[in-house]
């Protein structure tokens, strides 16, 4: 018999994020997750890590995130200067000049 002092109560709300953390998803859900169309997903199947079960294609959430991170474009200092200038103009009420 288990002693009452050794029983831990876990809230369902604490467990649900763990279950959802690295689950598999189909094309539609993966496309929504990545913010692209299903057609674009289908065109990128040779690049995006996936599983094929019969005719169904599944994607692991963590692998989609890693794939997106591998395609991240880094911000240049010129981009940062432009962002900073735009922020200052927004605060001061000035207009943006194009360069």
PDB file of N, CA and C in Angstrom:
ATOM      1  N   UNK A   1       0.843  -1.187   0.000  1.00  0.00           N
ATOM      2  CA  UNK A   1       0.000   0.000   0.000  1.00  0.00           C
ATOM      3  C   UNK A   1       0.884   1.245   0.000  1.00  0.00           C
ATOM      4  N   UNK A   2       0.468   2.277  -0.739  1.00  0.00           N
ATOM      5  CA  UNK A   2       1.232   3.528  -0.842  1.00  0.00           C
ATOM      6  C   UNK A   2       0.880   4.428   0.330  1.00  0.00           C
ATOM      7  N   UNK A   3       1.923   4.977   0.926  1.00  0.00           N
ATOM      8  CA  UNK A   3       1.689   5.904   2.033  1.00  0.00           C
ATOM      9  C   UNK A   3       1.131   7.209   1.495  1.00  0.00           C
ATOM     10  N   UNK A   4       0.225   7.814   2.223  1.00  0.00           N
ATOM     11  CA  UNK A   4      -0.410   9.067   1.816  1.00  0.00           C
ATOM     12  C   UNK A   4       0.610  10.184   1.665  1.00  0.00           C
ATOM     13  N   UNK A   5       1.691  10.144   2.437  1.00  0.00           N
ATOM     14  CA  UNK A   5       2.688  11.214   2.363  1.00  0.00           C
ATOM     15  C   UNK A   5       3.496  11.167   1.062  1.00  0.00           C
ATOM     16  N   UNK A   6       3.475  10.040   0.353  1.00  0.00           N
ATOM     17  CA  UNK A   6       4.249   9.900  -0.876  1.00  0.00           C
ATOM     18  C   UNK A   6       3.419  10.157  -2.130  1.00  0.00           C
ATOM     19  N   UNK A   7       2.142  10.407  -1.977  1.00  0.00           N
ATOM     20  CA  UNK A   7       1.279  10.677  -3.129  1.00  0.00           C
ATOM     21  C   UNK A   7       1.348  12.164  -3.444  1.00  0.00           C
ATOM     22  N   UNK A   8       1.646  12.453  -4.719  1.00  0.00           N
ATOM     23  CA  UNK A   8       1.691  13.833  -5.167  1.00  0.00           C
ATOM     24  C   UNK A   8       0.499  14.103  -6.058  1.00  0.00           C
ATOM     25  N   UNK A   9      -0.103  15.243  -5.875  1.00  0.00           N
ATOM     26  CA  UNK A   9      -1.219  15.636  -6.718  1.00  0.00           C
ATOM     27  C   UNK A   9      -0.673  16.568  -7.793  1.00  0.00           C
ATOM     28  N   UNK A  10      -0.998  16.249  -9.034  1.00  0.00           N
ATOM     29  CA  UNK A  10      -0.550  17.063 -10.164  1.00  0.00           C
ATOM     30  C   UNK A  10      -1.789  17.612 -10.859  1.00  0.00           C
ATOM     31  N   UNK A  11      -1.760  18.906 -11.111  1.00  0.00           N
ATOM     32  CA  UNK A  11      -2.892  19.517 -11.795  1.00  0.00           C
ATOM     33  C   UNK A  11      -2.836  19.186 -13.289  1.00  0.00           C
ATOM     34  N   UNK A  12      -3.989  18.927 -13.863  1.00  0.00           N
ATOM     35  CA  UNK A  12      -4.081  18.624 -15.288  1.00  0.00           C
ATOM     36  C   UNK A  12      -3.535  19.793 -16.104  1.00  0.00           C
ATOM     37  N   UNK A  13      -3.801  21.019 -15.678  1.00  0.00           N
ATOM     38  CA  UNK A  13      -3.324  22.209 -16.389  1.00  0.00           C
ATOM     39  C   UNK A  13      -1.803  22.252 -16.458  1.00  0.00           C
ATOM     40  N   UNK A  14      -1.128  21.631 -15.499  1.00  0.00           N
ATOM     41  CA  UNK A  14       0.341  21.587 -15.517  1.00  0.00           C
ATOM     42  C   UNK A  14       0.873  20.517 -16.465  1.00  0.00           C
ATOM     43  N   UNK A  15       0.083  19.498 -16.730  1.00  0.00           N
ATOM     44  CA  UNK A  15       0.515  18.383 -17.567  1.00  0.00           C
ATOM     45  C   UNK A  15       0.222  18.628 -19.048  1.00  0.00           C
ATOM     46  N   UNK A  16      -0.874  19.299 -19.362  1.00  0.00           N
ATOM     47  CA  UNK A  16      -1.272  19.494 -20.753  1.00  0.00           C
ATOM     48  C   UNK A  16      -0.205  20.149 -21.626  1.00  0.00           C
ATOM     49  N   UNK A  17       0.475  21.195 -21.169  1.00  0.00           N
ATOM     50  CA  UNK A  17       1.529  21.768 -22.026  1.00  0.00           C
ATOM     51  C   UNK A  17       2.646  20.769 -22.341  1.00  0.00           C
ATOM     52  N   UNK A  18       2.937  19.863 -21.433  1.00  0.00           N
ATOM     53  CA  UNK A  18       3.972  18.861 -21.674  1.00  0.00           C
ATOM     54  C   UNK A  18       3.536  17.873 -22.749  1.00  0.00           C
ATOM     55  N   UNK A  19       2.265  17.522 -22.755  1.00  0.00           N
ATOM     56  CA  UNK A  19       1.749  16.605 -23.758  1.00  0.00           C
ATOM     57  C   UNK A  19       1.747  17.236 -25.143  1.00  0.00           C
ATOM     58  N   UNK A  20       1.547  18.549 -25.198  1.00  0.00           N
ATOM     59  CA  UNK A  20       1.460  19.267 -26.464  1.00  0.00           C
ATOM     60  C   UNK A  20       2.822  19.723 -26.969  1.00  0.00           C
ATOM     61  N   UNK A  21       3.846  19.623 -26.144  1.00  0.00           N
ATOM     62  CA  UNK A  21       5.154  20.205 -26.448  1.00  0.00           C
ATOM     63  C   UNK A  21       5.786  19.669 -27.724  1.00  0.00           C
ATOM     64  N   UNK A  22       5.746  18.383 -27.968  1.00  0.00           N
ATOM     65  CA  UNK A  22       6.426  17.842 -29.141  1.00  0.00           C
ATOM     66  C   UNK A  22       5.574  16.782 -29.829  1.00  0.00           C
ATOM     67  N   UNK A  23       4.377  17.146 -30.136  1.00  0.00           N
ATOM     68  CA  UNK A  23       3.477  16.196 -30.772  1.00  0.00           C
ATOM     69  C   UNK A  23       3.604  16.265 -32.282  1.00  0.00           C
ATOM     70  N   UNK A  24       2.989  15.326 -32.957  1.00  0.00           N
ATOM     71  CA  UNK A  24       2.986  15.281 -34.418  1.00  0.00           C
ATOM     72  C   UNK A  24       1.747  15.988 -34.947  1.00  0.00           C
ATOM     73  N   UNK A  25       1.874  16.555 -36.140  1.00  0.00           N
ATOM     74  CA  UNK A  25       0.742  17.243 -36.752  1.00  0.00           C
ATOM     75  C   UNK A  25       0.723  16.977 -38.248  1.00  0.00           C
ATOM     76  N   UNK A  26      -0.448  17.084 -38.823  1.00  0.00           N
ATOM     77  CA  UNK A  26      -0.618  16.897 -40.260  1.00  0.00           C
ATOM     78  C   UNK A  26      -0.243  18.161 -41.033  1.00  0.00           C
ATOM     79  N   UNK A  27      -0.418  18.092 -42.348  1.00  0.00           N
ATOM     80  CA  UNK A  27      -0.029  19.209 -43.221  1.00  0.00           C
ATOM     81  C   UNK A  27      -0.747  20.507 -42.871  1.00  0.00           C
ATOM     82  N   UNK A  28      -2.067  20.448 -42.699  1.00  0.00           N
ATOM     83  CA  UNK A  28      -2.845  21.660 -42.428  1.00  0.00           C
ATOM     84  C   UNK A  28      -2.372  22.332 -41.138  1.00  0.00           C
ATOM     85  N   UNK A  29      -2.248  21.549 -40.087  1.00  0.00           N
ATOM     86  CA  UNK A  29      -1.833  22.108 -38.806  1.00  0.00           C
ATOM     87  C   UNK A  29      -0.393  22.620 -38.866  1.00  0.00           C
ATOM     88  N   UNK A  30       0.475  21.903 -39.565  1.00  0.00           N
ATOM     89  CA  UNK A  30       1.861  22.340 -39.723  1.00  0.00           C
ATOM     90  C   UNK A  30       1.920  23.642 -40.513  1.00  0.00           C
ATOM     91  N   UNK A  31       1.113  23.736 -41.554  1.00  0.00           N
ATOM     92  CA  UNK A  31       1.064  24.961 -42.355  1.00  0.00           C
ATOM     93  C   UNK A  31       0.588  26.133 -41.503  1.00  0.00           C
ATOM     94  N   UNK A  32      -0.454  25.921 -40.710  1.00  0.00           N
ATOM     95  CA  UNK A  32      -0.946  26.971 -39.812  1.00  0.00           C
ATOM     96  C   UNK A  32       0.120  27.359 -38.796  1.00  0.00           C
ATOM     97  N   UNK A  33       0.797  26.366 -38.251  1.00  0.00           N
ATOM     98  CA  UNK A  33       1.846  26.608 -37.256  1.00  0.00           C
ATOM     99  C   UNK A  33       2.974  27.458 -37.847  1.00  0.00           C
ATOM    100  N   UNK A  34       3.358  27.163 -39.103  1.00  0.00           N
ATOM    101  CA  UNK A  34       4.448  27.888 -39.754  1.00  0.00           C
ATOM    102  C   UNK A  34       3.994  29.184 -40.413  1.00  0.00           C
ATOM    103  N   UNK A  35       2.690  29.346 -40.563  1.00  0.00           N
ATOM    104  CA  UNK A  35       2.174  30.552 -41.203  1.00  0.00           C
ATOM    105  C   UNK A  35       2.327  30.541 -42.715  1.00  0.00           C
ATOM    106  N   UNK A  36       2.288  29.356 -43.309  1.00  0.00           N
ATOM    107  CA  UNK A  36       2.383  29.227 -44.760  1.00  0.00           C
ATOM    108  C   UNK A  36       1.239  28.338 -45.246  1.00  0.00           C
ATOM    109  N   UNK A  37       1.079  28.249 -46.557  1.00  0.00           N
ATOM    110  CA  UNK A  37      -0.018  27.455 -47.118  1.00  0.00           C
ATOM    111  C   UNK A  37       0.342  25.970 -47.166  1.00  0.00           C
ATOM    112  N   UNK A  38      -0.683  25.133 -47.267  1.00  0.00           N
ATOM    113  CA  UNK A  38      -0.473  23.696 -47.419  1.00  0.00           C
ATOM    114  C   UNK A  38       0.281  23.443 -48.721  1.00  0.00           C
ATOM    115  N   UNK A  39      -0.036  24.191 -49.758  1.00  0.00           N
ATOM    116  CA  UNK A  39       0.658  24.040 -51.041  1.00  0.00           C
ATOM    117  C   UNK A  39       2.151  24.319 -50.881  1.00  0.00           C
ATOM    118  N   UNK A  40       2.490  25.336 -50.092  1.00  0.00           N
ATOM    119  CA  UNK A  40       3.904  25.659 -49.847  1.00  0.00           C
ATOM    120  C   UNK A  40       4.571  24.526 -49.072  1.00  0.00           C
ATOM    121  N   UNK A  41       3.865  23.977 -48.077  1.00  0.00           N
ATOM    122  CA  UNK A  41       4.382  22.818 -47.319  1.00  0.00           C
ATOM    123  C   UNK A  41       4.697  21.676 -48.283  1.00  0.00           C
ATOM    124  N   UNK A  42       3.761  21.392 -49.177  1.00  0.00           N
ATOM    125  CA  UNK A  42       3.954  20.296 -50.130  1.00  0.00           C
ATOM    126  C   UNK A  42       5.153  20.553 -51.035  1.00  0.00           C
ATOM    127  N   UNK A  43       5.375  21.813 -51.398  1.00  0.00           N
ATOM    128  CA  UNK A  43       6.518  22.152 -52.230  1.00  0.00           C
ATOM    129  C   UNK A  43       7.845  22.083 -51.499  1.00  0.00           C
ATOM    130  N   UNK A  44       7.801  22.146 -50.175  1.00  0.00           N
ATOM    131  CA  UNK A  44       9.017  22.125 -49.364  1.00  0.00           C
ATOM    132  C   UNK A  44       9.283  20.772 -48.705  1.00  0.00           C
ATOM    133  N   UNK A  45       8.517  19.755 -49.060  1.00  0.00           N
ATOM    134  CA  UNK A  45       8.668  18.445 -48.409  1.00  0.00           C
ATOM    135  C   UNK A  45      10.074  17.872 -48.544  1.00  0.00           C
ATOM    136  N   UNK A  46      10.785  18.260 -49.589  1.00  0.00           N
ATOM    137  CA  UNK A  46      12.151  17.759 -49.735  1.00  0.00           C
ATOM    138  C   UNK A  46      13.116  18.451 -48.777  1.00  0.00           C
ATOM    139  N   UNK A  47      12.659  19.526 -48.122  1.00  0.00           N
ATOM    140  CA  UNK A  47      13.508  20.270 -47.187  1.00  0.00           C
ATOM    141  C   UNK A  47      13.054  20.158 -45.727  1.00  0.00           C
ATOM    142  N   UNK A  48      11.752  20.030 -45.510  1.00  0.00           N
ATOM    143  CA  UNK A  48      11.202  19.999 -44.148  1.00  0.00           C
ATOM    144  C   UNK A  48      11.226  18.573 -43.618  1.00  0.00           C
ATOM    145  N   UNK A  49      11.774  18.352 -42.422  1.00  0.00           N
ATOM    146  CA  UNK A  49      11.751  17.001 -41.840  1.00  0.00           C
ATOM    147  C   UNK A  49      10.304  16.542 -41.619  1.00  0.00           C
ATOM    148  N   UNK A  50      10.008  15.329 -42.020  1.00  0.00           N
ATOM    149  CA  UNK A  50       8.650  14.811 -41.864  1.00  0.00           C
ATOM    150  C   UNK A  50       8.661  13.282 -41.852  1.00  0.00           C
ATOM    151  N   UNK A  51       7.520  12.724 -41.504  1.00  0.00           N
ATOM    152  CA  UNK A  51       7.300  11.282 -41.504  1.00  0.00           C
ATOM    153  C   UNK A  51       6.200  10.994 -42.511  1.00  0.00           C
ATOM    154  N   UNK A  52       6.286   9.885 -43.182  1.00  0.00           N
ATOM    155  CA  UNK A  52       5.216   9.482 -44.089  1.00  0.00           C
ATOM    156  C   UNK A  52       4.681   8.146 -43.591  1.00  0.00           C
ATOM    157  N   UNK A  53       3.388   8.145 -43.284  1.00  0.00           N
ATOM    158  CA  UNK A  53       2.704   6.932 -42.855  1.00  0.00           C
ATOM    159  C   UNK A  53       1.638   6.655 -43.910  1.00  0.00           C
ATOM    160  N   UNK A  54       1.966   5.770 -44.830  1.00  0.00           N
ATOM    161  CA  UNK A  54       1.068   5.555 -45.968  1.00  0.00           C
ATOM    162  C   UNK A  54       1.041   6.825 -46.806  1.00  0.00           C
ATOM    163  N   UNK A  55      -0.148   7.369 -46.989  1.00  0.00           N
ATOM    164  CA  UNK A  55      -0.263   8.613 -47.750  1.00  0.00           C
ATOM    165  C   UNK A  55      -0.275   9.844 -46.846  1.00  0.00           C
ATOM    166  N   UNK A  56      -0.277   9.631 -45.547  1.00  0.00           N
ATOM    167  CA  UNK A  56      -0.323  10.748 -44.599  1.00  0.00           C
ATOM    168  C   UNK A  56       1.079  11.240 -44.274  1.00  0.00           C
ATOM    169  N   UNK A  57       1.238  12.570 -44.279  1.00  0.00           N
ATOM    170  CA  UNK A  57       2.509  13.192 -43.937  1.00  0.00           C
ATOM    171  C   UNK A  57       2.348  13.839 -42.562  1.00  0.00           C
ATOM    172  N   UNK A  58       3.282  13.552 -41.664  1.00  0.00           N
ATOM    173  CA  UNK A  58       3.243  14.097 -40.300  1.00  0.00           C
ATOM    174  C   UNK A  58       4.531  14.846 -40.009  1.00  0.00           C
ATOM    175  N   UNK A  59       4.409  15.878 -39.218  1.00  0.00           N
ATOM    176  CA  UNK A  59       5.535  16.710 -38.834  1.00  0.00           C
ATOM    177  C   UNK A  59       5.628  16.761 -37.325  1.00  0.00           C
ATOM    178  N   UNK A  60       6.840  16.714 -36.792  1.00  0.00           N
ATOM    179  CA  UNK A  60       7.051  16.858 -35.352  1.00  0.00           C
ATOM    180  C   UNK A  60       7.275  18.343 -35.080  1.00  0.00           C
ATOM    181  N   UNK A  61       6.559  18.863 -34.092  1.00  0.00           N
ATOM    182  CA  UNK A  61       6.604  20.297 -33.758  1.00  0.00           C
ATOM    183  C   UNK A  61       8.037  20.775 -33.539  1.00  0.00           C
ATOM    184  N   UNK A  62       8.824  20.049 -32.762  1.00  0.00           N
ATOM    185  CA  UNK A  62      10.191  20.472 -32.443  1.00  0.00           C
ATOM    186  C   UNK A  62      11.060  20.527 -33.700  1.00  0.00           C
ATOM    187  N   UNK A  63      10.814  19.619 -34.657  1.00  0.00           N
ATOM    188  CA  UNK A  63      11.595  19.623 -35.891  1.00  0.00           C
ATOM    189  C   UNK A  63      11.204  20.792 -36.798  1.00  0.00           C
ATOM    190  N   UNK A  64       9.923  21.181 -36.769  1.00  0.00           N
ATOM    191  CA  UNK A  64       9.507  22.367 -37.520  1.00  0.00           C
ATOM    192  C   UNK A  64      10.173  23.622 -36.960  1.00  0.00           C
ATOM    193  N   UNK A  65      10.235  23.699 -35.637  1.00  0.00           N
ATOM    194  CA  UNK A  65      10.884  24.851 -34.999  1.00  0.00           C
ATOM    195  C   UNK A  65      12.366  24.879 -35.360  1.00  0.00           C
ATOM    196  N   UNK A  66      13.034  23.738 -35.303  1.00  0.00           N
ATOM    197  CA  UNK A  66      14.461  23.669 -35.650  1.00  0.00           C
ATOM    198  C   UNK A  66      14.680  24.036 -37.116  1.00  0.00           C
ATOM    199  N   UNK A  67      13.791  23.574 -37.996  1.00  0.00           N
ATOM    200  CA  UNK A  67      13.903  23.887 -39.414  1.00  0.00           C
ATOM    201  C   UNK A  67      13.756  25.396 -39.639  1.00  0.00           C
ATOM    202  N   UNK A  68      12.786  25.996 -38.964  1.00  0.00           N
ATOM    203  CA  UNK A  68      12.595  27.446 -39.095  1.00  0.00           C
ATOM    204  C   UNK A  68      13.809  28.197 -38.550  1.00  0.00           C
ATOM    205  N   UNK A  69      14.340  27.758 -37.423  1.00  0.00           N
ATOM    206  CA  UNK A  69      15.520  28.412 -36.847  1.00  0.00           C
ATOM    207  C   UNK A  69      16.711  28.341 -37.804  1.00  0.00           C
ATOM    208  N   UNK A  70      16.841  27.239 -38.526  1.00  0.00           N
ATOM    209  CA  UNK A  70      17.940  27.082 -39.479  1.00  0.00           C
ATOM    210  C   UNK A  70      17.797  28.052 -40.657  1.00  0.00           C
ATOM    211  N   UNK A  71      16.591  28.549 -40.902  1.00  0.00           N
ATOM    212  CA  UNK A  71      16.342  29.473 -42.002  1.00  0.00           C
ATOM    213  C   UNK A  71      16.169  30.921 -41.527  1.00  0.00           C
ATOM    214  N   UNK A  72      16.502  31.177 -40.291  1.00  0.00           N
ATOM    215  CA  UNK A  72      16.360  32.530 -39.740  1.00  0.00           C
ATOM    216  C   UNK A  72      17.353  33.472 -40.408  1.00  0.00           C
ATOM    217  N   UNK A  73      16.867  34.648 -40.799  1.00  0.00           N
ATOM    218  CA  UNK A  73      17.743  35.677 -41.345  1.00  0.00           C
ATOM    219  C   UNK A  73      18.122  36.612 -40.208  1.00  0.00           C
ATOM    220  N   UNK A  74      19.400  36.840 -40.099  1.00  0.00           N
ATOM    221  CA  UNK A  74      19.894  37.708 -39.033  1.00  0.00           C
ATOM    222  C   UNK A  74      19.712  39.172 -39.406  1.00  0.00           C
ATOM    223  N   UNK A  75      19.409  39.981 -38.420  1.00  0.00           N
ATOM    224  CA  UNK A  75      19.234  41.409 -38.623  1.00  0.00           C
ATOM    225  C   UNK A  75      20.597  42.066 -38.739  1.00  0.00           C
ATOM    226  N   UNK A  76      20.757  42.921 -39.731  1.00  0.00           N
ATOM    227  CA  UNK A  76      22.023  43.637 -39.896  1.00  0.00           C
ATOM    228  C   UNK A  76      21.999  44.901 -39.058  1.00  0.00           C
ATOM    229  N   UNK A  77      23.148  45.505 -38.854  1.00  0.00           N
ATOM    230  CA  UNK A  77      23.200  46.741 -38.078  1.00  0.00           C
ATOM    231  C   UNK A  77      22.438  47.852 -38.787  1.00  0.00           C
ATOM    232  N   UNK A  78      22.410  47.837 -40.136  1.00  0.00           N
ATOM    233  CA  UNK A  78      21.641  48.833 -40.886  1.00  0.00           C
ATOM    234  C   UNK A  78      20.151  48.678 -40.587  1.00  0.00           C
ATOM    235  N   UNK A  79      19.676  47.419 -40.493  1.00  0.00           N
ATOM    236  CA  UNK A  79      18.281  47.167 -40.153  1.00  0.00           C
ATOM    237  C   UNK A  79      17.982  47.687 -38.748  1.00  0.00           C
ATOM    238  N   UNK A  80      18.898  47.438 -37.813  1.00  0.00           N
ATOM    239  CA  UNK A  80      18.708  47.900 -36.441  1.00  0.00           C
ATOM    240  C   UNK A  80      18.678  49.417 -36.379  1.00  0.00           C
ATOM    241  N   UNK A  81      19.540  50.091 -37.157  1.00  0.00           N
ATOM    242  CA  UNK A  81      19.540  51.551 -37.194  1.00  0.00           C
ATOM    243  C   UNK A  81      18.206  52.078 -37.708  1.00  0.00           C
ATOM    244  N   UNK A  82      17.676  51.440 -38.751  1.00  0.00           N
ATOM    245  CA  UNK A  82      16.395  51.840 -39.322  1.00  0.00           C
ATOM    246  C   UNK A  82      15.270  51.641 -38.312  1.00  0.00           C
ATOM    247  N   UNK A  83      15.280  50.525 -37.615  1.00  0.00           N
ATOM    248  CA  UNK A  83      14.260  50.251 -36.598  1.00  0.00           C
ATOM    249  C   UNK A  83      14.345  51.287 -35.480  1.00  0.00           C
ATOM    250  N   UNK A  84      15.565  51.589 -35.037  1.00  0.00           N
ATOM    251  CA  UNK A  84      15.745  52.582 -33.977  1.00  0.00           C
ATOM    252  C   UNK A  84      15.267  53.953 -34.443  1.00  0.00           C
ATOM    253  N   UNK A  85      15.619  54.343 -35.671  1.00  0.00           N
ATOM    254  CA  UNK A  85      15.172  55.630 -36.215  1.00  0.00           C
ATOM    255  C   UNK A  85      13.654  55.703 -36.285  1.00  0.00           C
ATOM    256  N   UNK A  86      13.020  54.625 -36.744  1.00  0.00           N
ATOM    257  CA  UNK A  86      11.564  54.589 -36.826  1.00  0.00           C
ATOM    258  C   UNK A  86      10.926  54.705 -35.445  1.00  0.00           C
ATOM    259  N   UNK A  87      11.526  54.059 -34.453  1.00  0.00           N
ATOM    260  CA  UNK A  87      10.998  54.134 -33.093  1.00  0.00           C
ATOM    261  C   UNK A  87      11.099  55.554 -32.552  1.00  0.00           C
ATOM    262  N   UNK A  88      12.225  56.209 -32.795  1.00  0.00           N
ATOM    263  CA  UNK A  88      12.409  57.597 -32.337  1.00  0.00           C
ATOM    264  C   UNK A  88      11.408  58.507 -33.032  1.00  0.00           C
ATOM    265  N   UNK A  89      11.233  58.334 -34.341  1.00  0.00           N
ATOM    266  CA  UNK A  89      10.272  59.154 -35.083  1.00  0.00           C
ATOM    267  C   UNK A  89       8.850  58.940 -34.565  1.00  0.00           C
ATOM    268  N   UNK A  90       8.527  57.697 -34.251  1.00  0.00           N
ATOM    269  CA  UNK A  90       7.185  57.396 -33.750  1.00  0.00           C
ATOM    270  C   UNK A  90       6.935  58.096 -32.416  1.00  0.00           C
ATOM    271  N   UNK A  91       7.951  58.115 -31.578  1.00  0.00           N
ATOM    272  CA  UNK A  91       7.818  58.769 -30.270  1.00  0.00           C
ATOM    273  C   UNK A  91       7.745  60.290 -30.430  1.00  0.00           C
ATOM    274  N   UNK A  92       8.586  60.818 -31.328  1.00  0.00           N
ATOM    275  CA  UNK A  92       8.657  62.271 -31.508  1.00  0.00           C
ATOM    276  C   UNK A  92       7.632  62.794 -32.518  1.00  0.00           C
ATOM    277  N   UNK A  93       6.979  61.904 -33.235  1.00  0.00           N
ATOM    278  CA  UNK A  93       5.952  62.318 -34.178  1.00  0.00           C
ATOM    279  C   UNK A  93       6.489  62.722 -35.546  1.00  0.00           C
ATOM    280  N   UNK A  94       7.726  62.402 -35.849  1.00  0.00           N
ATOM    281  CA  UNK A  94       8.304  62.754 -37.142  1.00  0.00           C
ATOM    282  C   UNK A  94       7.923  61.772 -38.217  1.00  0.00           C
ATOM    283  N   UNK A  95       8.189  62.135 -39.456  1.00  0.00           N
ATOM    284  CA  UNK A  95       7.897  61.257 -40.592  1.00  0.00           C
ATOM    285  C   UNK A  95       9.128  60.445 -40.953  1.00  0.00           C
ATOM    286  N   UNK A  96       8.887  59.264 -41.494  1.00  0.00           N
ATOM    287  CA  UNK A  96       9.978  58.394 -41.915  1.00  0.00           C
ATOM    288  C   UNK A  96      10.491  58.835 -43.278  1.00  0.00           C
ATOM    289  N   UNK A  97      11.803  58.906 -43.390  1.00  0.00           N
ATOM    290  CA  UNK A  97      12.382  59.225 -44.677  1.00  0.00           C
ATOM    291  C   UNK A  97      12.876  57.933 -45.294  1.00  0.00           C
ATOM    292  N   UNK A  98      12.708  57.809 -46.583  1.00  0.00           N
ATOM    293  CA  UNK A  98      13.173  56.595 -47.261  1.00  0.00           C
ATOM    294  C   UNK A  98      14.580  56.817 -47.753  1.00  0.00           C
ATOM    295  N   UNK A  99      15.399  55.764 -47.690  1.00  0.00           N
ATOM    296  CA  UNK A  99      16.777  55.886 -48.153  1.00  0.00           C
ATOM    297  C   UNK A  99      17.100  54.851 -49.165  1.00  0.00           C
TER     298      UNK A  99
END
